[in-house]
Amino acid sequence: MEEMVSLGGDLGLYAEEMEPGTHAMWGNYPQALTHLALISAADILASSARRAQARSPL
């Protein structure tokens, strides 16, 4: 997750496409679906971490 967040441009925006080798951003900015997917992934990871913490003994 940290790597994906670090790949955003100066304003944290993502383009339509990204070159896998160089991580160069191609296309138009911003792309709502890319940002929505990132937010969704962050929410899933946070929920998973909360569930794991709730199950762990103190």
PDB file of N, CA and C in Angstrom:
ATOM      1  N   MET A   1       0.826  -1.173   0.000  1.00  0.00           N
ATOM      2  CA  MET A   1       0.000   0.000   0.000  1.00  0.00           C
ATOM      3  C   MET A   1       0.877   1.245   0.000  1.00  0.00           C
ATOM      4  N   GLU A   2       1.923   1.238   0.796  1.00  0.00           N
ATOM      5  CA  GLU A   2       2.805   2.398   0.854  1.00  0.00           C
ATOM      6  C   GLU A   2       3.442   2.676  -0.511  1.00  0.00           C
ATOM      7  N   GLU A   3       3.789   1.612  -1.228  1.00  0.00           N
ATOM      8  CA  GLU A   3       4.399   1.788  -2.546  1.00  0.00           C
ATOM      9  C   GLU A   3       3.415   2.430  -3.513  1.00  0.00           C
ATOM     10  N   MET A   4       2.178   1.974  -3.502  1.00  0.00           N
ATOM     11  CA  MET A   4       1.179   2.544  -4.409  1.00  0.00           C
ATOM     12  C   MET A   4       0.923   4.008  -4.094  1.00  0.00           C
ATOM     13  N   VAL A   5       0.797   4.333  -2.825  1.00  0.00           N
ATOM     14  CA  VAL A   5       0.576   5.726  -2.430  1.00  0.00           C
ATOM     15  C   VAL A   5       1.752   6.590  -2.862  1.00  0.00           C
ATOM     16  N   SER A   6       2.963   6.068  -2.752  1.00  0.00           N
ATOM     17  CA  SER A   6       4.148   6.852  -3.120  1.00  0.00           C
ATOM     18  C   SER A   6       4.250   7.096  -4.624  1.00  0.00           C
ATOM     19  N   LEU A   7       3.533   6.326  -5.434  1.00  0.00           N
ATOM     20  CA  LEU A   7       3.606   6.481  -6.884  1.00  0.00           C
ATOM     21  C   LEU A   7       2.727   7.607  -7.412  1.00  0.00           C
ATOM     22  N   GLY A   8       1.880   8.166  -6.580  1.00  0.00           N
ATOM     23  CA  GLY A   8       1.035   9.279  -7.004  1.00  0.00           C
ATOM     24  C   GLY A   8       1.900  10.480  -7.353  1.00  0.00           C
ATOM     25  N   GLY A   9       1.375  11.364  -8.176  1.00  0.00           N
ATOM     26  CA  GLY A   9       2.108  12.568  -8.571  1.00  0.00           C
ATOM     27  C   GLY A   9       2.264  13.539  -7.411  1.00  0.00           C
ATOM     28  N   ASP A  10       2.672  14.761  -7.719  1.00  0.00           N
ATOM     29  CA  ASP A  10       2.902  15.782  -6.683  1.00  0.00           C
ATOM     30  C   ASP A  10       1.664  16.030  -5.822  1.00  0.00           C
ATOM     31  N   LEU A  11       0.486  15.903  -6.414  1.00  0.00           N
ATOM     32  CA  LEU A  11      -0.758  16.116  -5.685  1.00  0.00           C
ATOM     33  C   LEU A  11      -1.394  14.810  -5.222  1.00  0.00           C
ATOM     34  N   GLY A  12      -0.681  13.698  -5.398  1.00  0.00           N
ATOM     35  CA  GLY A  12      -1.200  12.397  -5.010  1.00  0.00           C
ATOM     36  C   GLY A  12      -2.200  11.831  -6.000  1.00  0.00           C
ATOM     37  N   LEU A  13      -2.169  12.344  -7.231  1.00  0.00           N
ATOM     38  CA  LEU A  13      -3.099  11.894  -8.259  1.00  0.00           C
ATOM     39  C   LEU A  13      -2.465  10.822  -9.129  1.00  0.00           C
ATOM     40  N   TYR A  14      -3.305  10.011  -9.749  1.00  0.00           N
ATOM     41  CA  TYR A  14      -2.853   8.928 -10.614  1.00  0.00           C
ATOM     42  C   TYR A  14      -3.428   9.131 -12.010  1.00  0.00           C
ATOM     43  N   ALA A  15      -2.654   8.794 -13.020  1.00  0.00           N
ATOM     44  CA  ALA A  15      -3.087   8.915 -14.406  1.00  0.00           C
ATOM     45  C   ALA A  15      -3.847   7.664 -14.838  1.00  0.00           C
ATOM     46  N   GLU A  16      -4.287   7.670 -16.096  1.00  0.00           N
ATOM     47  CA  GLU A  16      -5.024   6.533 -16.641  1.00  0.00           C
ATOM     48  C   GLU A  16      -4.183   5.264 -16.660  1.00  0.00           C
ATOM     49  N   GLU A  17      -2.917   5.412 -16.986  1.00  0.00           N
ATOM     50  CA  GLU A  17      -2.037   4.250 -17.113  1.00  0.00           C
ATOM     51  C   GLU A  17      -0.693   4.541 -16.454  1.00  0.00           C
ATOM     52  N   MET A  18       0.016   3.443 -16.136  1.00  0.00           N
ATOM     53  CA  MET A  18       1.344   3.570 -15.551  1.00  0.00           C
ATOM     54  C   MET A  18       2.259   2.547 -16.198  1.00  0.00           C
ATOM     55  N   GLU A  19       3.432   2.969 -16.610  1.00  0.00           N
ATOM     56  CA  GLU A  19       4.448   2.073 -17.171  1.00  0.00           C
ATOM     57  C   GLU A  19       4.970   1.205 -16.033  1.00  0.00           C
ATOM     58  N   PRO A  20       4.813  -0.120 -16.114  1.00  0.00           N
ATOM     59  CA  PRO A  20       5.210  -0.998 -15.011  1.00  0.00           C
ATOM     60  C   PRO A  20       6.691  -0.899 -14.633  1.00  0.00           C
ATOM     61  N   GLY A  21       7.568  -0.778 -15.611  1.00  0.00           N
ATOM     62  CA  GLY A  21       9.001  -0.766 -15.309  1.00  0.00           C
ATOM     63  C   GLY A  21       9.492   0.529 -14.682  1.00  0.00           C
ATOM     64  N   THR A  22       9.039   1.662 -15.227  1.00  0.00           N
ATOM     65  CA  THR A  22       9.541   2.963 -14.764  1.00  0.00           C
ATOM     66  C   THR A  22       8.567   3.696 -13.855  1.00  0.00           C
ATOM     67  N   HIS A  23       7.335   3.201 -13.777  1.00  0.00           N
ATOM     68  CA  HIS A  23       6.255   3.845 -13.028  1.00  0.00           C
ATOM     69  C   HIS A  23       5.893   5.216 -13.585  1.00  0.00           C
ATOM     70  N   ALA A  24       6.252   5.493 -14.836  1.00  0.00           N
ATOM     71  CA  ALA A  24       5.872   6.752 -15.471  1.00  0.00           C
ATOM     72  C   ALA A  24       4.366   6.768 -15.684  1.00  0.00           C
ATOM     73  N   MET A  25       3.740   7.896 -15.376  1.00  0.00           N
ATOM     74  CA  MET A  25       2.298   8.038 -15.544  1.00  0.00           C
ATOM     75  C   MET A  25       1.995   8.507 -16.959  1.00  0.00           C
ATOM     76  N   TRP A  26       1.039   7.850 -17.588  1.00  0.00           N
ATOM     77  CA  TRP A  26       0.611   8.193 -18.945  1.00  0.00           C
ATOM     78  C   TRP A  26      -0.878   8.502 -18.925  1.00  0.00           C
ATOM     79  N   GLY A  27      -1.305   9.383 -19.784  1.00  0.00           N
ATOM     80  CA  GLY A  27      -2.736   9.638 -19.953  1.00  0.00           C
ATOM     81  C   GLY A  27      -3.210  10.820 -19.151  1.00  0.00           C
ATOM     82  N   ASN A  28      -4.517  10.876 -18.994  1.00  0.00           N
ATOM     83  CA  ASN A  28      -5.173  12.012 -18.343  1.00  0.00           C
ATOM     84  C   ASN A  28      -5.169  11.869 -16.824  1.00  0.00           C
ATOM     85  N   TYR A  29      -5.219  13.009 -16.157  1.00  0.00           N
ATOM     86  CA  TYR A  29      -5.349  13.091 -14.699  1.00  0.00           C
ATOM     87  C   TYR A  29      -6.669  13.775 -14.397  1.00  0.00           C
ATOM     88  N   PRO A  30      -7.273  13.637 -13.263  1.00  0.00           N
ATOM     89  CA  PRO A  30      -7.228  12.470 -12.403  1.00  0.00           C
ATOM     90  C   PRO A  30      -8.208  11.403 -12.874  1.00  0.00           C
ATOM     91  N   GLN A  31      -8.019  10.226 -12.432  1.00  0.00           N
ATOM     92  CA  GLN A  31      -8.888   9.117 -12.784  1.00  0.00           C
ATOM     93  C   GLN A  31      -9.631   8.646 -11.530  1.00  0.00           C
ATOM     94  N   ALA A  32     -10.919   8.906 -11.520  1.00  0.00           N
ATOM     95  CA  ALA A  32     -11.728   8.612 -10.328  1.00  0.00           C
ATOM     96  C   ALA A  32     -11.706   7.130  -9.969  1.00  0.00           C
ATOM     97  N   LEU A  33     -11.759   6.239 -10.967  1.00  0.00           N
ATOM     98  CA  LEU A  33     -11.800   4.812 -10.645  1.00  0.00           C
ATOM     99  C   LEU A  33     -10.511   4.337  -9.987  1.00  0.00           C
ATOM    100  N   THR A  34      -9.381   4.869 -10.416  1.00  0.00           N
ATOM    101  CA  THR A  34      -8.108   4.516  -9.787  1.00  0.00           C
ATOM    102  C   THR A  34      -8.090   4.966  -8.337  1.00  0.00           C
ATOM    103  N   HIS A  35      -8.545   6.183  -8.098  1.00  0.00           N
ATOM    104  CA  HIS A  35      -8.557   6.705  -6.735  1.00  0.00           C
ATOM    105  C   HIS A  35      -9.559   5.943  -5.855  1.00  0.00           C
ATOM    106  N   LEU A  36     -10.704   5.599  -6.426  1.00  0.00           N
ATOM    107  CA  LEU A  36     -11.693   4.824  -5.681  1.00  0.00           C
ATOM    108  C   LEU A  36     -11.143   3.446  -5.316  1.00  0.00           C
ATOM    109  N   ALA A  37     -10.428   2.820  -6.230  1.00  0.00           N
ATOM    110  CA  ALA A  37      -9.824   1.510  -5.951  1.00  0.00           C
ATOM    111  C   ALA A  37      -8.791   1.615  -4.834  1.00  0.00           C
ATOM    112  N   LEU A  38      -8.006   2.686  -4.829  1.00  0.00           N
ATOM    113  CA  LEU A  38      -7.002   2.887  -3.772  1.00  0.00           C
ATOM    114  C   LEU A  38      -7.682   3.084  -2.416  1.00  0.00           C
ATOM    115  N   ILE A  39      -8.738   3.885  -2.388  1.00  0.00           N
ATOM    116  CA  ILE A  39      -9.475   4.102  -1.141  1.00  0.00           C
ATOM    117  C   ILE A  39     -10.117   2.795  -0.667  1.00  0.00           C
ATOM    118  N   SER A  40     -10.679   2.041  -1.589  1.00  0.00           N
ATOM    119  CA  SER A  40     -11.287   0.754  -1.245  1.00  0.00           C
ATOM    120  C   SER A  40     -10.248  -0.210  -0.676  1.00  0.00           C
ATOM    121  N   ALA A  41      -9.080  -0.275  -1.291  1.00  0.00           N
ATOM    122  CA  ALA A  41      -8.012  -1.153  -0.794  1.00  0.00           C
ATOM    123  C   ALA A  41      -7.575  -0.731   0.606  1.00  0.00           C
ATOM    124  N   ALA A  42      -7.455   0.571   0.836  1.00  0.00           N
ATOM    125  CA  ALA A  42      -7.065   1.058   2.160  1.00  0.00           C
ATOM    126  C   ALA A  42      -8.108   0.682   3.206  1.00  0.00           C
ATOM    127  N   ASP A  43      -9.389   0.793   2.842  1.00  0.00           N
ATOM    128  CA  ASP A  43     -10.466   0.436   3.760  1.00  0.00           C
ATOM    129  C   ASP A  43     -10.436  -1.054   4.088  1.00  0.00           C
ATOM    130  N   ILE A  44     -10.212  -1.892   3.078  1.00  0.00           N
ATOM    131  CA  ILE A  44     -10.135  -3.342   3.293  1.00  0.00           C
ATOM    132  C   ILE A  44      -8.964  -3.699   4.202  1.00  0.00           C
ATOM    133  N   LEU A  45      -7.815  -3.079   3.961  1.00  0.00           N
ATOM    134  CA  LEU A  45      -6.647  -3.346   4.809  1.00  0.00           C
ATOM    135  C   LEU A  45      -6.890  -2.891   6.243  1.00  0.00           C
ATOM    136  N   ALA A  46      -7.514  -1.721   6.419  1.00  0.00           N
ATOM    137  CA  ALA A  46      -7.793  -1.229   7.767  1.00  0.00           C
ATOM    138  C   ALA A  46      -8.786  -2.136   8.483  1.00  0.00           C
ATOM    139  N   SER A  47      -9.814  -2.591   7.770  1.00  0.00           N
ATOM    140  CA  SER A  47     -10.797  -3.500   8.380  1.00  0.00           C
ATOM    141  C   SER A  47     -10.146  -4.814   8.790  1.00  0.00           C
ATOM    142  N   SER A  48      -9.279  -5.324   7.936  1.00  0.00           N
ATOM    143  CA  SER A  48      -8.576  -6.568   8.233  1.00  0.00           C
ATOM    144  C   SER A  48      -7.685  -6.405   9.464  1.00  0.00           C
ATOM    145  N   ALA A  49      -7.011  -5.288   9.553  1.00  0.00           N
ATOM    146  CA  ALA A  49      -6.136  -5.035  10.704  1.00  0.00           C
ATOM    147  C   ALA A  49      -6.958  -4.920  11.987  1.00  0.00           C
ATOM    148  N   ARG A  50      -8.125  -4.272  11.914  1.00  0.00           N
ATOM    149  CA  ARG A  50      -8.982  -4.154  13.103  1.00  0.00           C
ATOM    150  C   ARG A  50      -9.484  -5.521  13.549  1.00  0.00           C
ATOM    151  N   ARG A  51      -9.880  -6.374  12.576  1.00  0.00           N
ATOM    152  CA  ARG A  51     -10.348  -7.723  12.940  1.00  0.00           C
ATOM    153  C   ARG A  51      -9.226  -8.540  13.567  1.00  0.00           C
ATOM    154  N   ALA A  52      -8.026  -8.439  13.014  1.00  0.00           N
ATOM    155  CA  ALA A  52      -6.887  -9.184  13.560  1.00  0.00           C
ATOM    156  C   ALA A  52      -6.558  -8.707  14.969  1.00  0.00           C
ATOM    157  N   GLN A  53      -6.647  -7.404  15.189  1.00  0.00           N
ATOM    158  CA  GLN A  53      -6.364  -6.858  16.509  1.00  0.00           C
ATOM    159  C   GLN A  53      -7.421  -7.300  17.522  1.00  0.00           C
ATOM    160  N   ALA A  54      -8.666  -7.378  17.090  1.00  0.00           N
ATOM    161  CA  ALA A  54      -9.736  -7.800  17.980  1.00  0.00           C
ATOM    162  C   ALA A  54      -9.611  -9.262  18.381  1.00  0.00           C
ATOM    163  N   ARG A  55      -9.043 -10.088  17.493  1.00  0.00           N
ATOM    164  CA  ARG A  55      -8.874 -11.507  17.783  1.00  0.00           C
ATOM    165  C   ARG A  55      -7.645 -11.799  18.627  1.00  0.00           C
ATOM    166  N   SER A  56      -6.663 -10.920  18.618  1.00  0.00           N
ATOM    167  CA  SER A  56      -5.420 -11.210  19.323  1.00  0.00           C
ATOM    168  C   SER A  56      -5.609 -11.043  20.832  1.00  0.00           C
ATOM    169  N   PRO A  57      -5.031 -11.949  21.615  1.00  0.00           N
ATOM    170  CA  PRO A  57      -5.149 -11.837  23.070  1.00  0.00           C
ATOM    171  C   PRO A  57      -4.286 -10.684  23.586  1.00  0.00           C
ATOM    172  N   LEU A  58      -4.756 -10.060  24.627  1.00  0.00           N
ATOM    173  CA  LEU A  58      -4.027  -8.934  25.221  1.00  0.00           C
ATOM    174  C   LEU A  58      -2.942  -9.362  26.092  1.00  0.00           C
TER     175      LEU A  58
END
